[in-house]
């Protein structure tokens, strides 16, 4: 059974890391964020590690850990580094239960010529799209779905985040991509919340598998 997914979103700060933790907990899968840009307040890997309750998930180290909180190609440039997609692919953990978290959205540049979507295609892993219910999310979500269709990306479904208005059914209908789950807004994201949400969506992933 292969429960590996690449978690990407409609943009920055839409909840990819929270969703990654929830999915990793639901599947007792390992977690890997190959490119981290900015870690003044800790890395996403450290945050996910602190939020998981199961004892099976393994957190793998980043391939590129960049100081500047910016687009990865800019953060890398500041350190005279060139992000090499083949190096990321070569260092991918060879397991069937792996949650890979991307940086930003699909069209975020990783270097001068390649984008997150190029990494997705190189990984040949099913994608989960994260969208936050907020003003503007319909446009951002449908653009993301459109580029996935154009590029032949295998999308497992949407996971929506937060509770502003309710665009979910419209986005599902217009994009033709199913909903895997919906994460409610909370001011208190902790291990109990992650475990609770993981239990809710676990059955949905069993159907996909």
N, C-alpha and C. Protein backbone atom coordinates (compact mmCIF):
# COMPACT_ATOMS: atom_id res chain seq x y z
N UNK A 1 0.85 -1.19 0.00
CA UNK A 1 0.00 0.00 0.00
C UNK A 1 0.89 1.24 0.00
N UNK A 2 0.67 2.14 -0.95
CA UNK A 2 1.48 3.35 -1.04
C UNK A 2 0.64 4.54 -0.57
N UNK A 3 1.02 5.09 0.55
CA UNK A 3 0.33 6.27 1.09
C UNK A 3 1.27 7.46 1.08
N UNK A 4 1.95 7.69 -0.03
CA UNK A 4 2.83 8.84 -0.16
C UNK A 4 2.11 9.97 -0.89
N UNK A 5 2.24 11.18 -0.35
CA UNK A 5 1.58 12.35 -0.94
C UNK A 5 2.50 13.56 -0.85
N UNK A 6 2.42 14.39 -1.87
CA UNK A 6 3.10 15.69 -1.87
C UNK A 6 2.06 16.73 -1.49
N UNK A 7 2.29 17.43 -0.38
CA UNK A 7 1.35 18.45 0.09
C UNK A 7 1.77 19.81 -0.46
N UNK A 8 0.91 20.39 -1.27
CA UNK A 8 1.15 21.74 -1.78
C UNK A 8 -0.10 22.56 -1.57
N UNK A 9 -0.01 23.85 -1.81
CA UNK A 9 -1.15 24.69 -1.53
C UNK A 9 -1.39 25.75 -2.59
N UNK A 10 -2.39 26.56 -2.33
CA UNK A 10 -2.73 27.63 -3.26
C UNK A 10 -1.85 28.85 -3.05
N UNK A 11 -0.96 28.81 -2.06
CA UNK A 11 -0.07 29.92 -1.79
C UNK A 11 0.63 29.71 -0.46
N UNK A 12 1.24 30.77 0.04
CA UNK A 12 1.95 30.71 1.32
C UNK A 12 0.97 30.95 2.48
N UNK A 13 1.22 30.30 3.58
CA UNK A 13 0.41 30.46 4.80
C UNK A 13 -1.04 30.03 4.63
N UNK A 14 -1.25 28.96 3.89
CA UNK A 14 -2.61 28.43 3.75
C UNK A 14 -2.83 27.21 4.63
N UNK A 15 -1.81 26.80 5.37
CA UNK A 15 -1.99 25.69 6.31
C UNK A 15 -1.38 24.38 5.88
N UNK A 16 -0.39 24.41 4.98
CA UNK A 16 0.21 23.16 4.49
C UNK A 16 0.86 22.35 5.61
N UNK A 17 1.54 23.03 6.53
CA UNK A 17 2.24 22.31 7.58
C UNK A 17 1.27 21.66 8.55
N UNK A 18 0.20 22.36 8.89
CA UNK A 18 -0.84 21.78 9.75
C UNK A 18 -1.46 20.56 9.06
N UNK A 19 -1.80 20.71 7.79
CA UNK A 19 -2.38 19.58 7.05
C UNK A 19 -1.38 18.43 6.95
N UNK A 20 -0.12 18.75 6.72
CA UNK A 20 0.90 17.70 6.64
C UNK A 20 0.96 16.91 7.94
N UNK A 21 0.90 17.60 9.07
CA UNK A 21 0.92 16.92 10.36
C UNK A 21 -0.31 16.04 10.53
N UNK A 22 -1.46 16.54 10.14
CA UNK A 22 -2.71 15.79 10.27
C UNK A 22 -2.68 14.54 9.40
N UNK A 23 -2.23 14.68 8.16
CA UNK A 23 -2.18 13.52 7.26
C UNK A 23 -1.14 12.52 7.73
N UNK A 24 0.02 13.01 8.17
CA UNK A 24 1.05 12.11 8.68
C UNK A 24 0.53 11.34 9.90
N UNK A 25 -0.19 12.02 10.76
CA UNK A 25 -0.77 11.36 11.94
C UNK A 25 -1.83 10.35 11.52
N UNK A 26 -2.67 10.73 10.58
CA UNK A 26 -3.75 9.84 10.13
C UNK A 26 -3.20 8.55 9.54
N UNK A 27 -2.12 8.65 8.77
CA UNK A 27 -1.56 7.50 8.07
C UNK A 27 -0.38 6.88 8.80
N UNK A 28 0.01 7.48 9.93
CA UNK A 28 1.24 7.09 10.62
C UNK A 28 2.39 7.05 9.63
N UNK A 29 2.42 8.08 8.80
CA UNK A 29 3.41 8.19 7.73
C UNK A 29 4.59 9.03 8.19
N UNK A 30 5.70 8.89 7.47
CA UNK A 30 6.87 9.73 7.73
C UNK A 30 6.67 11.09 7.09
N UNK A 31 7.47 12.06 7.52
CA UNK A 31 7.34 13.44 7.04
C UNK A 31 8.69 13.93 6.55
N UNK A 32 8.64 14.69 5.44
CA UNK A 32 9.87 15.24 4.86
C UNK A 32 9.57 16.56 4.19
N UNK A 33 10.25 17.61 4.59
CA UNK A 33 10.19 18.89 3.89
C UNK A 33 11.57 19.16 3.32
N UNK A 34 11.78 18.88 2.03
CA UNK A 34 13.14 18.96 1.48
C UNK A 34 13.71 20.36 1.41
N UNK A 35 12.84 21.39 1.27
CA UNK A 35 13.33 22.77 1.17
C UNK A 35 12.66 23.62 2.24
N UNK A 36 13.45 24.11 3.18
CA UNK A 36 12.96 25.00 4.23
C UNK A 36 13.61 26.36 4.03
N UNK A 37 12.77 27.39 3.83
CA UNK A 37 13.28 28.76 3.68
C UNK A 37 12.81 29.58 4.86
N UNK A 38 13.72 29.89 5.76
CA UNK A 38 13.39 30.63 6.97
C UNK A 38 13.18 29.70 8.14
N UNK A 39 13.96 29.91 9.22
CA UNK A 39 13.77 29.06 10.39
C UNK A 39 14.10 29.80 11.68
N UNK A 40 13.89 31.12 11.68
CA UNK A 40 14.16 31.92 12.88
C UNK A 40 13.33 31.46 14.07
N UNK A 41 12.12 30.97 13.79
CA UNK A 41 11.24 30.49 14.85
C UNK A 41 11.12 28.97 14.84
N UNK A 42 12.12 28.30 14.27
CA UNK A 42 12.08 26.85 14.17
C UNK A 42 11.65 26.40 12.79
N UNK A 43 11.95 25.18 12.44
CA UNK A 43 11.60 24.65 11.12
C UNK A 43 10.23 23.99 11.16
N UNK A 44 9.66 23.80 9.98
CA UNK A 44 8.39 23.08 9.89
C UNK A 44 8.56 21.64 10.35
N UNK A 45 9.71 21.05 10.08
CA UNK A 45 9.97 19.67 10.52
C UNK A 45 9.93 19.57 12.03
N UNK A 46 10.53 20.54 12.72
CA UNK A 46 10.51 20.55 14.18
C UNK A 46 9.09 20.70 14.71
N UNK A 47 8.31 21.55 14.05
CA UNK A 47 6.92 21.77 14.49
C UNK A 47 6.11 20.49 14.32
N UNK A 48 6.22 19.86 13.14
CA UNK A 48 5.47 18.62 12.90
C UNK A 48 5.88 17.55 13.90
N UNK A 49 7.17 17.42 14.16
CA UNK A 49 7.64 16.42 15.12
C UNK A 49 6.99 16.61 16.49
N UNK A 50 6.78 17.84 16.87
CA UNK A 50 6.18 18.13 18.17
C UNK A 50 4.68 17.94 18.22
N UNK A 51 4.05 17.75 17.05
CA UNK A 51 2.60 17.65 16.98
C UNK A 51 2.09 16.21 16.77
N UNK A 52 2.98 15.29 16.49
CA UNK A 52 2.56 13.91 16.22
C UNK A 52 2.47 13.10 17.50
N UNK A 53 1.42 12.29 17.61
CA UNK A 53 1.23 11.44 18.78
C UNK A 53 1.67 10.00 18.53
N UNK A 54 1.61 9.54 17.28
CA UNK A 54 1.97 8.17 17.01
C UNK A 54 3.48 7.97 17.11
N UNK A 55 3.90 6.74 17.30
CA UNK A 55 5.32 6.43 17.51
C UNK A 55 5.99 5.90 16.23
N UNK A 56 5.26 5.84 15.13
CA UNK A 56 5.81 5.26 13.90
C UNK A 56 6.42 6.30 12.97
N UNK A 57 5.86 7.47 12.95
CA UNK A 57 6.30 8.50 12.00
C UNK A 57 7.75 8.90 12.27
N UNK A 58 8.51 9.02 11.19
CA UNK A 58 9.90 9.48 11.24
C UNK A 58 9.97 10.83 10.53
N UNK A 59 10.71 11.76 11.09
CA UNK A 59 10.92 13.07 10.48
C UNK A 59 12.30 13.07 9.83
N UNK A 60 12.33 13.31 8.53
CA UNK A 60 13.60 13.30 7.80
C UNK A 60 14.15 14.72 7.67
N UNK A 61 15.46 14.87 7.67
CA UNK A 61 16.06 16.21 7.60
C UNK A 61 15.89 16.85 6.23
N UNK A 62 15.94 18.16 6.21
CA UNK A 62 15.83 18.93 4.97
C UNK A 62 17.07 18.69 4.09
N UNK A 63 16.86 18.80 2.79
CA UNK A 63 18.00 18.80 1.86
C UNK A 63 18.60 20.21 1.80
N UNK A 64 17.72 21.21 1.79
CA UNK A 64 18.14 22.61 1.80
C UNK A 64 17.46 23.31 2.96
N UNK A 65 18.25 23.85 3.87
CA UNK A 65 17.77 24.58 5.02
C UNK A 65 18.33 25.99 4.94
N UNK A 66 17.50 26.92 4.50
CA UNK A 66 17.94 28.26 4.15
C UNK A 66 17.47 29.27 5.20
N UNK A 67 18.32 30.22 5.51
CA UNK A 67 18.03 31.15 6.61
C UNK A 67 16.93 32.14 6.29
N UNK A 68 16.92 32.68 5.07
CA UNK A 68 16.02 33.77 4.74
C UNK A 68 14.60 33.27 4.48
N UNK A 69 13.62 33.91 5.12
CA UNK A 69 12.22 33.58 4.88
C UNK A 69 11.77 34.30 3.61
N UNK A 70 11.97 33.63 2.49
CA UNK A 70 11.67 34.21 1.18
C UNK A 70 11.44 33.07 0.20
N UNK A 71 11.12 33.43 -1.04
CA UNK A 71 11.04 32.41 -2.07
C UNK A 71 12.35 31.61 -2.07
N UNK A 72 12.27 30.28 -2.16
CA UNK A 72 13.50 29.48 -2.03
C UNK A 72 14.63 29.89 -2.95
N UNK A 73 14.33 30.30 -4.19
CA UNK A 73 15.41 30.65 -5.10
C UNK A 73 16.14 31.91 -4.63
N UNK A 74 15.40 32.81 -3.98
CA UNK A 74 16.03 34.02 -3.44
C UNK A 74 16.81 33.70 -2.17
N UNK A 75 16.21 32.89 -1.29
CA UNK A 75 16.89 32.50 -0.06
C UNK A 75 18.18 31.75 -0.36
N UNK A 76 18.13 30.88 -1.37
CA UNK A 76 19.33 30.13 -1.76
C UNK A 76 20.38 31.06 -2.35
N UNK A 77 19.94 32.00 -3.17
CA UNK A 77 20.87 32.94 -3.80
C UNK A 77 21.63 33.74 -2.74
N UNK A 78 20.95 34.08 -1.65
CA UNK A 78 21.59 34.84 -0.58
C UNK A 78 22.76 34.07 0.05
N UNK A 79 22.69 32.74 -0.03
CA UNK A 79 23.75 31.91 0.55
C UNK A 79 24.65 31.29 -0.52
N UNK A 80 24.54 31.81 -1.75
CA UNK A 80 25.34 31.30 -2.87
C UNK A 80 25.13 29.80 -3.08
N UNK A 81 23.87 29.41 -2.98
CA UNK A 81 23.48 28.01 -3.17
C UNK A 81 22.55 27.93 -4.37
N UNK A 82 22.65 26.88 -5.13
CA UNK A 82 21.69 26.60 -6.20
C UNK A 82 20.93 25.33 -5.83
N UNK A 83 19.62 25.44 -5.72
CA UNK A 83 18.81 24.27 -5.38
C UNK A 83 18.75 23.34 -6.59
N UNK A 84 19.19 22.12 -6.37
CA UNK A 84 19.27 21.12 -7.44
C UNK A 84 18.16 20.09 -7.23
N UNK A 85 17.23 20.05 -8.17
CA UNK A 85 16.08 19.15 -8.01
C UNK A 85 16.49 17.69 -8.02
N UNK A 86 17.48 17.35 -8.81
CA UNK A 86 17.91 15.95 -8.86
C UNK A 86 18.49 15.51 -7.52
N UNK A 87 19.18 16.41 -6.84
CA UNK A 87 19.70 16.08 -5.52
C UNK A 87 18.56 15.78 -4.56
N UNK A 88 17.48 16.56 -4.65
CA UNK A 88 16.32 16.32 -3.78
C UNK A 88 15.72 14.95 -4.10
N UNK A 89 15.53 14.67 -5.38
CA UNK A 89 14.96 13.39 -5.79
C UNK A 89 15.84 12.24 -5.32
N UNK A 90 17.15 12.38 -5.47
CA UNK A 90 18.07 11.31 -5.08
C UNK A 90 18.06 11.05 -3.58
N UNK A 91 17.73 12.07 -2.79
CA UNK A 91 17.75 11.93 -1.34
C UNK A 91 16.37 11.66 -0.74
N UNK A 92 15.40 11.43 -1.61
CA UNK A 92 14.06 11.09 -1.12
C UNK A 92 14.09 9.77 -0.36
N UNK A 93 13.52 9.74 0.83
CA UNK A 93 13.44 8.47 1.58
C UNK A 93 12.63 7.44 0.79
N UNK A 94 13.16 6.25 0.67
CA UNK A 94 12.54 5.21 -0.17
C UNK A 94 11.58 4.37 0.67
N UNK A 95 10.47 4.98 1.01
CA UNK A 95 9.42 4.29 1.75
C UNK A 95 8.08 4.59 1.08
N UNK A 96 7.08 3.77 1.41
CA UNK A 96 5.77 3.91 0.76
C UNK A 96 4.81 4.81 1.52
N UNK A 97 5.14 5.16 2.74
CA UNK A 97 4.29 6.05 3.52
C UNK A 97 5.06 7.31 3.86
N UNK A 98 4.99 8.29 2.98
CA UNK A 98 5.79 9.50 3.14
C UNK A 98 4.96 10.72 2.78
N UNK A 99 4.93 11.69 3.67
CA UNK A 99 4.29 12.98 3.40
C UNK A 99 5.40 13.98 3.08
N UNK A 100 5.37 14.51 1.88
CA UNK A 100 6.36 15.49 1.43
C UNK A 100 5.68 16.86 1.41
N UNK A 101 6.23 17.80 2.14
CA UNK A 101 5.65 19.15 2.14
C UNK A 101 6.46 20.07 1.24
N UNK A 102 5.78 20.72 0.32
CA UNK A 102 6.43 21.67 -0.57
C UNK A 102 6.58 23.03 0.07
N UNK A 103 7.19 23.93 -0.67
CA UNK A 103 7.37 25.32 -0.23
C UNK A 103 6.41 26.20 -1.00
N UNK A 104 5.52 26.90 -0.29
CA UNK A 104 4.58 27.78 -0.98
C UNK A 104 3.65 27.00 -1.90
N UNK A 105 3.36 27.60 -3.07
CA UNK A 105 2.50 26.97 -4.05
C UNK A 105 3.27 26.33 -5.19
N UNK A 106 2.55 25.83 -6.16
CA UNK A 106 3.17 25.06 -7.24
C UNK A 106 4.10 25.88 -8.13
N UNK A 107 3.84 27.18 -8.25
CA UNK A 107 4.66 28.00 -9.14
C UNK A 107 5.70 28.82 -8.38
N UNK A 108 6.03 28.40 -7.17
CA UNK A 108 7.13 29.02 -6.43
C UNK A 108 8.45 28.55 -7.05
N UNK A 109 9.34 29.48 -7.40
CA UNK A 109 10.63 29.08 -8.01
C UNK A 109 11.56 28.44 -6.97
N UNK A 110 12.20 27.34 -7.39
CA UNK A 110 13.22 26.71 -6.56
C UNK A 110 14.62 27.12 -6.98
N UNK A 111 14.75 27.45 -8.26
CA UNK A 111 16.01 28.01 -8.78
C UNK A 111 15.64 28.93 -9.93
N UNK A 112 16.57 29.27 -10.76
CA UNK A 112 16.29 30.25 -11.82
C UNK A 112 15.42 29.69 -12.93
N UNK A 113 15.28 28.39 -13.00
CA UNK A 113 14.57 27.77 -14.13
C UNK A 113 13.47 26.81 -13.73
N UNK A 114 13.45 26.34 -12.48
CA UNK A 114 12.54 25.28 -12.09
C UNK A 114 11.70 25.70 -10.89
N UNK A 115 10.50 25.11 -10.83
CA UNK A 115 9.50 25.49 -9.85
C UNK A 115 9.10 24.27 -9.01
N UNK A 116 8.31 24.52 -7.98
CA UNK A 116 7.83 23.43 -7.15
C UNK A 116 7.11 22.38 -7.99
N UNK A 117 6.36 22.81 -8.99
CA UNK A 117 5.64 21.85 -9.83
C UNK A 117 6.60 20.92 -10.57
N UNK A 118 7.79 21.39 -10.88
CA UNK A 118 8.79 20.54 -11.51
C UNK A 118 9.28 19.47 -10.53
N UNK A 119 9.39 19.84 -9.26
CA UNK A 119 9.76 18.86 -8.25
C UNK A 119 8.66 17.82 -8.09
N UNK A 120 7.42 18.27 -8.10
CA UNK A 120 6.29 17.34 -8.00
C UNK A 120 6.35 16.31 -9.12
N UNK A 121 6.58 16.78 -10.34
CA UNK A 121 6.64 15.86 -11.48
C UNK A 121 7.82 14.91 -11.37
N UNK A 122 8.94 15.40 -10.86
CA UNK A 122 10.11 14.54 -10.68
C UNK A 122 9.87 13.47 -9.63
N UNK A 123 9.08 13.82 -8.60
CA UNK A 123 8.79 12.88 -7.52
C UNK A 123 7.79 11.79 -7.93
N UNK A 124 6.93 12.11 -8.90
CA UNK A 124 5.90 11.17 -9.36
C UNK A 124 5.05 10.67 -8.19
N UNK A 125 4.65 11.61 -7.36
CA UNK A 125 3.85 11.32 -6.18
C UNK A 125 2.51 12.03 -6.27
N UNK A 126 1.47 11.39 -5.81
CA UNK A 126 0.15 12.02 -5.80
C UNK A 126 0.18 13.28 -4.95
N UNK A 127 -0.66 14.23 -5.32
CA UNK A 127 -0.66 15.55 -4.68
C UNK A 127 -1.94 15.75 -3.87
N UNK A 128 -1.80 16.40 -2.73
CA UNK A 128 -2.94 16.92 -1.98
C UNK A 128 -2.83 18.44 -2.03
N UNK A 129 -3.93 19.09 -2.43
CA UNK A 129 -3.97 20.54 -2.52
C UNK A 129 -4.61 21.12 -1.26
N UNK A 130 -3.94 22.10 -0.66
CA UNK A 130 -4.47 22.76 0.53
C UNK A 130 -4.97 24.15 0.13
N UNK A 131 -6.19 24.45 0.52
CA UNK A 131 -6.78 25.76 0.25
C UNK A 131 -7.38 26.30 1.54
N UNK A 132 -7.14 27.56 1.82
CA UNK A 132 -7.72 28.20 3.01
C UNK A 132 -9.01 28.94 2.60
N UNK A 133 -10.04 28.76 3.39
CA UNK A 133 -11.28 29.50 3.16
C UNK A 133 -11.06 30.96 3.55
N UNK A 134 -10.77 31.78 2.56
CA UNK A 134 -10.54 33.21 2.79
C UNK A 134 -10.86 33.96 1.51
N UNK A 135 -10.99 35.25 1.61
CA UNK A 135 -11.27 36.07 0.44
C UNK A 135 -10.16 35.88 -0.59
N UNK A 136 -10.53 35.52 -1.80
CA UNK A 136 -9.54 35.29 -2.86
C UNK A 136 -9.23 33.83 -3.09
N UNK A 137 -9.71 32.95 -2.21
CA UNK A 137 -9.32 31.54 -2.32
C UNK A 137 -9.94 30.84 -3.53
N UNK A 138 -11.08 31.31 -4.01
CA UNK A 138 -11.66 30.68 -5.20
C UNK A 138 -10.72 30.85 -6.39
N UNK A 139 -10.30 32.08 -6.61
CA UNK A 139 -9.39 32.36 -7.72
C UNK A 139 -8.09 31.56 -7.59
N UNK A 140 -7.46 31.63 -6.42
CA UNK A 140 -6.19 30.94 -6.21
C UNK A 140 -6.36 29.43 -6.35
N UNK A 141 -7.47 28.90 -5.86
CA UNK A 141 -7.71 27.46 -5.91
C UNK A 141 -7.94 26.98 -7.34
N UNK A 142 -8.75 27.71 -8.08
CA UNK A 142 -9.04 27.29 -9.45
C UNK A 142 -7.82 27.44 -10.36
N UNK A 143 -7.00 28.46 -10.12
CA UNK A 143 -5.75 28.58 -10.88
C UNK A 143 -4.82 27.40 -10.58
N UNK A 144 -4.75 27.01 -9.32
CA UNK A 144 -3.93 25.87 -8.94
C UNK A 144 -4.44 24.59 -9.60
N UNK A 145 -5.75 24.39 -9.56
CA UNK A 145 -6.34 23.21 -10.20
C UNK A 145 -6.08 23.22 -11.71
N UNK A 146 -6.14 24.40 -12.31
CA UNK A 146 -5.92 24.51 -13.75
C UNK A 146 -4.50 24.11 -14.14
N UNK A 147 -3.51 24.58 -13.39
CA UNK A 147 -2.12 24.24 -13.72
C UNK A 147 -1.88 22.75 -13.49
N UNK A 148 -2.56 22.15 -12.52
CA UNK A 148 -2.44 20.71 -12.31
C UNK A 148 -2.96 19.93 -13.52
N UNK A 149 -4.09 20.37 -14.05
CA UNK A 149 -4.63 19.71 -15.25
C UNK A 149 -3.69 19.88 -16.43
N UNK A 150 -3.21 21.09 -16.63
CA UNK A 150 -2.32 21.37 -17.76
C UNK A 150 -1.05 20.54 -17.70
N UNK A 151 -0.53 20.34 -16.50
CA UNK A 151 0.74 19.65 -16.34
C UNK A 151 0.59 18.15 -16.04
N UNK A 152 -0.64 17.67 -16.04
CA UNK A 152 -0.88 16.24 -15.83
C UNK A 152 -0.55 15.76 -14.43
N UNK A 153 -0.77 16.62 -13.43
CA UNK A 153 -0.47 16.26 -12.05
C UNK A 153 -1.59 15.36 -11.49
N UNK A 154 -1.21 14.30 -10.83
CA UNK A 154 -2.17 13.36 -10.22
C UNK A 154 -2.59 13.91 -8.86
N UNK A 155 -3.77 14.49 -8.80
CA UNK A 155 -4.26 15.13 -7.57
C UNK A 155 -5.24 14.20 -6.87
N UNK A 156 -4.93 13.88 -5.61
CA UNK A 156 -5.82 13.02 -4.83
C UNK A 156 -7.05 13.79 -4.36
N UNK A 157 -6.87 15.08 -4.01
CA UNK A 157 -8.01 15.86 -3.56
C UNK A 157 -7.60 17.11 -2.81
N UNK A 158 -8.62 17.85 -2.38
CA UNK A 158 -8.45 19.08 -1.61
C UNK A 158 -8.54 18.77 -0.12
N UNK A 159 -7.77 19.50 0.69
CA UNK A 159 -8.06 19.63 2.11
C UNK A 159 -8.19 21.12 2.38
N UNK A 160 -9.35 21.52 2.87
CA UNK A 160 -9.63 22.92 3.12
C UNK A 160 -9.32 23.26 4.58
N UNK A 161 -9.07 24.54 4.80
CA UNK A 161 -8.57 25.00 6.09
C UNK A 161 -9.30 26.29 6.47
N UNK A 162 -9.71 26.39 7.72
CA UNK A 162 -10.36 27.58 8.27
C UNK A 162 -11.84 27.64 7.88
N UNK A 163 -12.54 28.66 8.37
CA UNK A 163 -14.00 28.70 8.24
C UNK A 163 -14.58 30.00 7.70
N UNK A 164 -13.77 30.82 7.05
CA UNK A 164 -14.31 32.07 6.49
C UNK A 164 -15.20 31.74 5.30
N UNK A 165 -16.49 32.15 5.37
CA UNK A 165 -17.45 31.82 4.33
C UNK A 165 -17.43 30.30 4.12
N UNK A 166 -17.86 29.85 2.98
CA UNK A 166 -17.77 28.42 2.66
C UNK A 166 -17.68 28.28 1.16
N UNK A 167 -16.44 28.29 0.67
CA UNK A 167 -16.20 28.18 -0.77
C UNK A 167 -15.97 26.74 -1.21
N UNK A 168 -15.98 25.82 -0.27
CA UNK A 168 -15.49 24.48 -0.56
C UNK A 168 -16.27 23.76 -1.66
N UNK A 169 -17.59 23.75 -1.55
CA UNK A 169 -18.39 23.03 -2.54
C UNK A 169 -18.24 23.61 -3.93
N UNK A 170 -18.15 24.95 -4.01
CA UNK A 170 -17.97 25.58 -5.31
C UNK A 170 -16.61 25.23 -5.92
N UNK A 171 -15.57 25.27 -5.09
CA UNK A 171 -14.22 24.93 -5.59
C UNK A 171 -14.16 23.48 -6.04
N UNK A 172 -14.77 22.59 -5.28
CA UNK A 172 -14.82 21.17 -5.67
C UNK A 172 -15.55 21.00 -6.99
N UNK A 173 -16.69 21.66 -7.11
CA UNK A 173 -17.50 21.51 -8.34
C UNK A 173 -16.77 22.09 -9.55
N UNK A 174 -16.25 23.30 -9.43
CA UNK A 174 -15.61 23.95 -10.57
C UNK A 174 -14.27 23.30 -10.94
N UNK A 175 -13.56 22.78 -9.94
CA UNK A 175 -12.26 22.18 -10.23
C UNK A 175 -12.35 20.73 -10.66
N UNK A 176 -13.45 20.07 -10.26
CA UNK A 176 -13.56 18.64 -10.56
C UNK A 176 -12.67 17.77 -9.70
N UNK A 177 -12.14 18.34 -8.60
CA UNK A 177 -11.24 17.61 -7.70
C UNK A 177 -11.99 17.38 -6.38
N UNK A 178 -12.01 16.15 -5.87
CA UNK A 178 -12.81 15.87 -4.67
C UNK A 178 -12.22 16.46 -3.39
N UNK A 179 -13.06 16.55 -2.38
CA UNK A 179 -12.63 17.02 -1.06
C UNK A 179 -12.26 15.84 -0.19
N UNK A 180 -11.07 15.90 0.41
CA UNK A 180 -10.63 14.86 1.33
C UNK A 180 -10.95 15.22 2.77
N UNK A 181 -11.02 16.52 3.04
CA UNK A 181 -11.29 16.91 4.42
C UNK A 181 -11.39 18.41 4.55
N UNK A 182 -11.82 18.84 5.73
CA UNK A 182 -11.96 20.26 6.03
C UNK A 182 -11.53 20.48 7.47
N UNK A 183 -10.50 21.28 7.66
CA UNK A 183 -9.94 21.51 8.99
C UNK A 183 -10.52 22.80 9.56
N UNK A 184 -11.21 22.75 10.69
CA UNK A 184 -11.82 23.95 11.25
C UNK A 184 -10.77 24.89 11.84
N UNK A 185 -11.12 26.15 11.93
CA UNK A 185 -10.22 27.13 12.55
C UNK A 185 -10.14 26.90 14.05
N UNK A 186 -8.95 27.06 14.59
CA UNK A 186 -8.77 27.04 16.03
C UNK A 186 -7.61 27.95 16.41
N UNK A 187 -7.70 28.54 17.59
CA UNK A 187 -6.60 29.34 18.12
C UNK A 187 -5.60 28.48 18.87
N UNK A 188 -5.93 27.21 19.03
CA UNK A 188 -5.11 26.34 19.86
C UNK A 188 -4.77 25.06 19.10
N UNK A 189 -3.79 25.14 18.21
CA UNK A 189 -3.33 23.96 17.48
C UNK A 189 -2.33 23.22 18.37
N UNK A 190 -2.70 22.01 18.80
CA UNK A 190 -1.84 21.21 19.65
C UNK A 190 -1.94 19.74 19.24
N UNK A 191 -1.27 18.87 19.96
CA UNK A 191 -1.26 17.46 19.60
C UNK A 191 -2.67 16.86 19.62
N UNK A 192 -3.48 17.29 20.58
CA UNK A 192 -4.85 16.76 20.67
C UNK A 192 -5.67 17.15 19.45
N UNK A 193 -5.52 18.40 19.00
CA UNK A 193 -6.25 18.86 17.81
C UNK A 193 -5.79 18.09 16.58
N UNK A 194 -4.48 17.92 16.41
CA UNK A 194 -3.95 17.17 15.26
C UNK A 194 -4.48 15.74 15.27
N UNK A 195 -4.46 15.10 16.42
CA UNK A 195 -4.95 13.72 16.53
C UNK A 195 -6.44 13.63 16.24
N UNK A 196 -7.21 14.61 16.73
CA UNK A 196 -8.66 14.62 16.49
C UNK A 196 -8.97 14.76 15.00
N UNK A 197 -8.29 15.68 14.33
CA UNK A 197 -8.54 15.87 12.91
C UNK A 197 -8.04 14.68 12.09
N UNK A 198 -6.95 14.07 12.52
CA UNK A 198 -6.43 12.88 11.84
C UNK A 198 -7.44 11.74 11.89
N UNK A 199 -8.08 11.58 13.04
CA UNK A 199 -9.08 10.52 13.17
C UNK A 199 -10.26 10.75 12.24
N UNK A 200 -10.61 12.00 12.02
CA UNK A 200 -11.76 12.34 11.16
C UNK A 200 -11.47 11.98 9.70
N UNK A 201 -10.25 12.28 9.24
CA UNK A 201 -9.99 12.07 7.80
C UNK A 201 -9.37 10.70 7.49
N UNK A 202 -9.04 9.91 8.51
CA UNK A 202 -8.35 8.62 8.28
C UNK A 202 -9.14 7.71 7.35
N UNK A 203 -10.42 7.62 7.54
CA UNK A 203 -11.23 6.72 6.70
C UNK A 203 -11.24 7.15 5.25
N UNK A 204 -11.17 8.44 5.01
CA UNK A 204 -11.14 8.94 3.64
C UNK A 204 -9.89 8.45 2.92
N UNK A 205 -8.78 8.41 3.61
CA UNK A 205 -7.55 7.92 3.00
C UNK A 205 -7.57 6.42 2.81
N UNK A 206 -8.26 5.71 3.70
CA UNK A 206 -8.40 4.27 3.51
C UNK A 206 -9.13 3.96 2.21
N UNK A 207 -10.11 4.80 1.87
CA UNK A 207 -10.84 4.63 0.61
C UNK A 207 -9.90 4.87 -0.58
N UNK A 208 -9.07 5.91 -0.49
CA UNK A 208 -8.14 6.21 -1.57
C UNK A 208 -7.15 5.08 -1.79
N UNK A 209 -6.70 4.46 -0.71
CA UNK A 209 -5.68 3.42 -0.81
C UNK A 209 -6.24 2.18 -1.48
